[in-house]
Amino acid sequence: MHERDGRAVIGTSSTASDTSMDQLSLRRNTQNISFVALVERCEKVMAHAWMVRTFVKHSEEVEEFPELMGIVRAIFDVSLALESRRHDPARYLRMLRTKFDRLRRAADEFRRLAPEASSHTNFRQAVISMDACIEDLQSVLDTSSDLLRVAR
């Protein structure tokens, strides 16, 4: 029998290994919560990207500038790849890391092509939206790398 929190406890013992296991468990739970929050953030960012995709896909300008379809295909590819991994944050974030460079290159190309296709405000705003999406997704990937480094 020993005391815990001022109460007598029979049949349990608190050892250093119990404490370290509790800390490890807490760190893993915090990490899981953080990864879930990152996935939720990505879902919101990808919703914005999807709206850019929809706008570009249905724009009249895409007929004269089929190169604009690069951003449409890249967003679709990333969304499809991430969708099936939504309930497994580690796999989701790994897939995002795998697909991110292609999406970034497509966004760079879209930024270059959009002004040639149209000077309309909608195209300028779509470029700004995609730049923000890329920036946010990069931040998520950086944060997930930091979390993994701390967990080790």
Protein backbone atom coordinates (compact mmCIF):
# COMPACT_ATOMS: atom_id res chain seq x y z
CA MET A 1 0.00 0.00 0.00
CA HIS A 2 1.22 3.53 -0.80
CA GLU A 3 -0.22 7.02 -1.02
CA ARG A 4 -1.20 8.75 -4.23
CA ASP A 5 -2.73 12.23 -4.14
CA GLY A 6 -3.14 11.92 -0.39
CA ARG A 7 -5.16 8.69 -0.68
CA ALA A 8 -4.07 5.20 0.20
CA VAL A 9 -3.84 2.97 -2.85
CA ILE A 10 -3.62 -0.79 -2.49
CA GLY A 11 -2.11 -3.03 -5.13
CA THR A 12 -0.57 -0.40 -7.40
CA SER A 13 2.82 1.14 -7.46
CA SER A 14 4.13 4.26 -9.08
CA THR A 15 7.55 3.79 -10.55
CA ALA A 16 9.78 5.82 -12.78
CA SER A 17 8.87 3.58 -15.70
CA ASP A 18 5.14 4.23 -15.07
CA THR A 19 5.82 7.95 -15.12
CA SER A 20 7.86 7.78 -18.31
CA MET A 21 5.19 5.61 -19.94
CA ASP A 22 2.55 8.16 -18.92
CA GLN A 23 4.64 10.95 -20.45
CA LEU A 24 5.17 8.95 -23.65
CA SER A 25 1.45 8.22 -23.86
CA LEU A 26 0.62 11.90 -23.29
CA ARG A 27 3.12 12.94 -25.96
CA ARG A 28 1.62 10.44 -28.45
CA ASN A 29 -1.92 11.61 -27.68
CA THR A 30 -0.88 15.24 -28.11
CA GLN A 31 0.87 14.33 -31.34
CA ASN A 32 -2.24 12.51 -32.63
CA ILE A 33 -4.44 15.48 -31.75
CA SER A 34 -1.97 17.79 -33.50
CA PHE A 35 -1.88 15.59 -36.60
CA VAL A 36 -5.68 15.48 -36.66
CA ALA A 37 -5.74 19.28 -36.44
CA LEU A 38 -3.27 19.46 -39.35
CA VAL A 39 -5.47 17.19 -41.46
CA GLU A 40 -8.49 19.35 -40.63
CA ARG A 41 -6.53 22.44 -41.68
CA CYS A 42 -5.53 20.75 -44.95
CA GLU A 43 -9.15 19.87 -45.66
CA LYS A 44 -10.10 23.54 -45.37
CA VAL A 45 -7.20 24.64 -47.58
CA MET A 46 -8.01 22.00 -50.18
CA ALA A 47 -11.64 23.18 -50.21
CA HIS A 48 -10.35 26.60 -51.31
CA ALA A 49 -8.15 24.96 -53.94
CA TRP A 50 -11.17 22.98 -55.16
CA MET A 51 -13.07 26.21 -55.73
CA VAL A 52 -10.17 27.52 -57.85
CA ARG A 53 -10.27 24.24 -59.76
CA THR A 54 -13.99 24.60 -60.39
CA PHE A 55 -13.65 28.20 -61.50
CA VAL A 56 -10.83 27.45 -63.94
CA LYS A 57 -12.39 24.25 -65.27
CA HIS A 58 -15.63 26.01 -66.18
CA SER A 59 -14.13 29.26 -67.44
CA GLU A 60 -14.45 30.18 -71.11
CA GLU A 61 -10.75 31.08 -71.17
CA VAL A 62 -9.72 27.45 -70.69
CA GLU A 63 -10.84 26.75 -74.28
CA GLU A 64 -8.26 29.20 -75.62
CA PHE A 65 -5.66 28.35 -72.95
CA PRO A 66 -5.84 24.58 -72.36
CA GLU A 67 -2.59 24.92 -70.39
CA LEU A 68 -4.75 26.27 -67.56
CA MET A 69 -6.02 22.71 -67.08
CA GLY A 70 -2.71 21.87 -65.39
CA ILE A 71 -3.88 23.41 -62.13
CA VAL A 72 -7.26 21.68 -62.50
CA ARG A 73 -5.61 18.26 -62.87
CA ALA A 74 -3.10 18.87 -60.08
CA ILE A 75 -5.79 19.89 -57.56
CA PHE A 76 -7.91 16.90 -58.56
CA ASP A 77 -4.94 14.54 -58.20
CA VAL A 78 -4.05 15.79 -54.71
CA SER A 79 -7.68 15.81 -53.55
CA LEU A 80 -8.27 12.26 -54.78
CA ALA A 81 -5.06 10.99 -53.16
CA LEU A 82 -5.81 12.62 -49.80
CA GLU A 83 -9.51 11.75 -49.64
CA SER A 84 -8.98 8.04 -48.95
CA ARG A 85 -6.48 8.80 -46.18
CA ARG A 86 -8.54 11.33 -44.23
CA HIS A 87 -8.97 8.98 -41.24
CA ASP A 88 -5.26 8.15 -40.98
CA PRO A 89 -3.42 11.43 -40.32
CA ALA A 90 0.08 9.97 -40.72
CA ARG A 91 -0.71 8.48 -44.15
CA TYR A 92 -2.59 11.64 -45.15
CA LEU A 93 0.36 13.88 -44.35
CA ARG A 94 2.83 11.53 -46.05
CA MET A 95 0.69 11.59 -49.19
CA LEU A 96 0.44 15.37 -49.04
CA ARG A 97 4.23 15.55 -48.87
CA THR A 98 4.44 13.23 -51.90
CA LYS A 99 1.99 15.26 -54.00
CA PHE A 100 2.90 18.75 -52.84
CA ASP A 101 5.74 19.55 -55.26
CA ARG A 102 3.58 18.80 -58.30
CA LEU A 103 0.82 21.00 -56.92
CA ARG A 104 3.29 23.80 -56.23
CA ARG A 105 4.69 23.58 -59.78
CA ALA A 106 1.15 23.66 -61.20
CA ALA A 107 0.35 26.73 -59.08
CA ASP A 108 3.53 28.44 -60.31
CA GLU A 109 2.53 27.69 -63.90
CA PHE A 110 -1.01 28.94 -63.23
CA ARG A 111 0.40 32.18 -61.81
CA ARG A 112 2.39 32.62 -65.02
CA LEU A 113 -0.45 31.71 -67.42
CA ALA A 114 -3.48 33.32 -65.78
CA PRO A 115 -2.63 36.93 -66.74
CA GLU A 116 -2.15 35.80 -70.36
CA ALA A 117 -5.56 34.11 -70.32
CA SER A 118 -7.45 37.00 -68.74
CA SER A 119 -6.91 40.20 -66.81
CA HIS A 120 -10.28 39.74 -65.11
CA THR A 121 -10.41 40.10 -61.34
CA ASN A 122 -11.57 36.48 -60.99
CA PHE A 123 -8.34 35.18 -62.47
CA ARG A 124 -6.23 37.51 -60.33
CA GLN A 125 -8.10 36.35 -57.24
CA ALA A 126 -7.71 32.70 -58.25
CA VAL A 127 -3.94 33.18 -58.44
CA ILE A 128 -3.94 34.80 -54.99
CA SER A 129 -6.07 31.95 -53.64
CA MET A 130 -3.72 29.29 -55.01
CA ASP A 131 -0.69 31.12 -53.65
CA ALA A 132 -2.37 31.17 -50.22
CA CYS A 133 -3.21 27.47 -50.49
CA ILE A 134 0.39 26.59 -51.34
CA GLU A 135 1.67 28.73 -48.47
CA ASP A 136 -0.75 27.12 -46.01
CA LEU A 137 0.00 23.58 -47.16
CA GLN A 138 3.74 24.24 -46.88
CA SER A 139 3.16 25.48 -43.33
CA VAL A 140 1.24 22.29 -42.51
CA LEU A 141 4.06 20.15 -43.88
CA ASP A 142 6.65 22.14 -41.91
CA THR A 143 4.60 21.74 -38.72
CA SER A 144 4.15 18.01 -39.26
CA SER A 145 7.92 17.64 -39.71
CA ASP A 146 8.49 19.56 -36.47
CA LEU A 147 6.00 17.32 -34.62
CA LEU A 148 7.72 14.18 -35.88
CA ARG A 149 11.13 15.53 -34.86
CA VAL A 150 9.89 16.33 -31.32
CA ALA A 151 8.27 12.90 -30.99
CA ARG A 152 11.58 11.11 -31.59
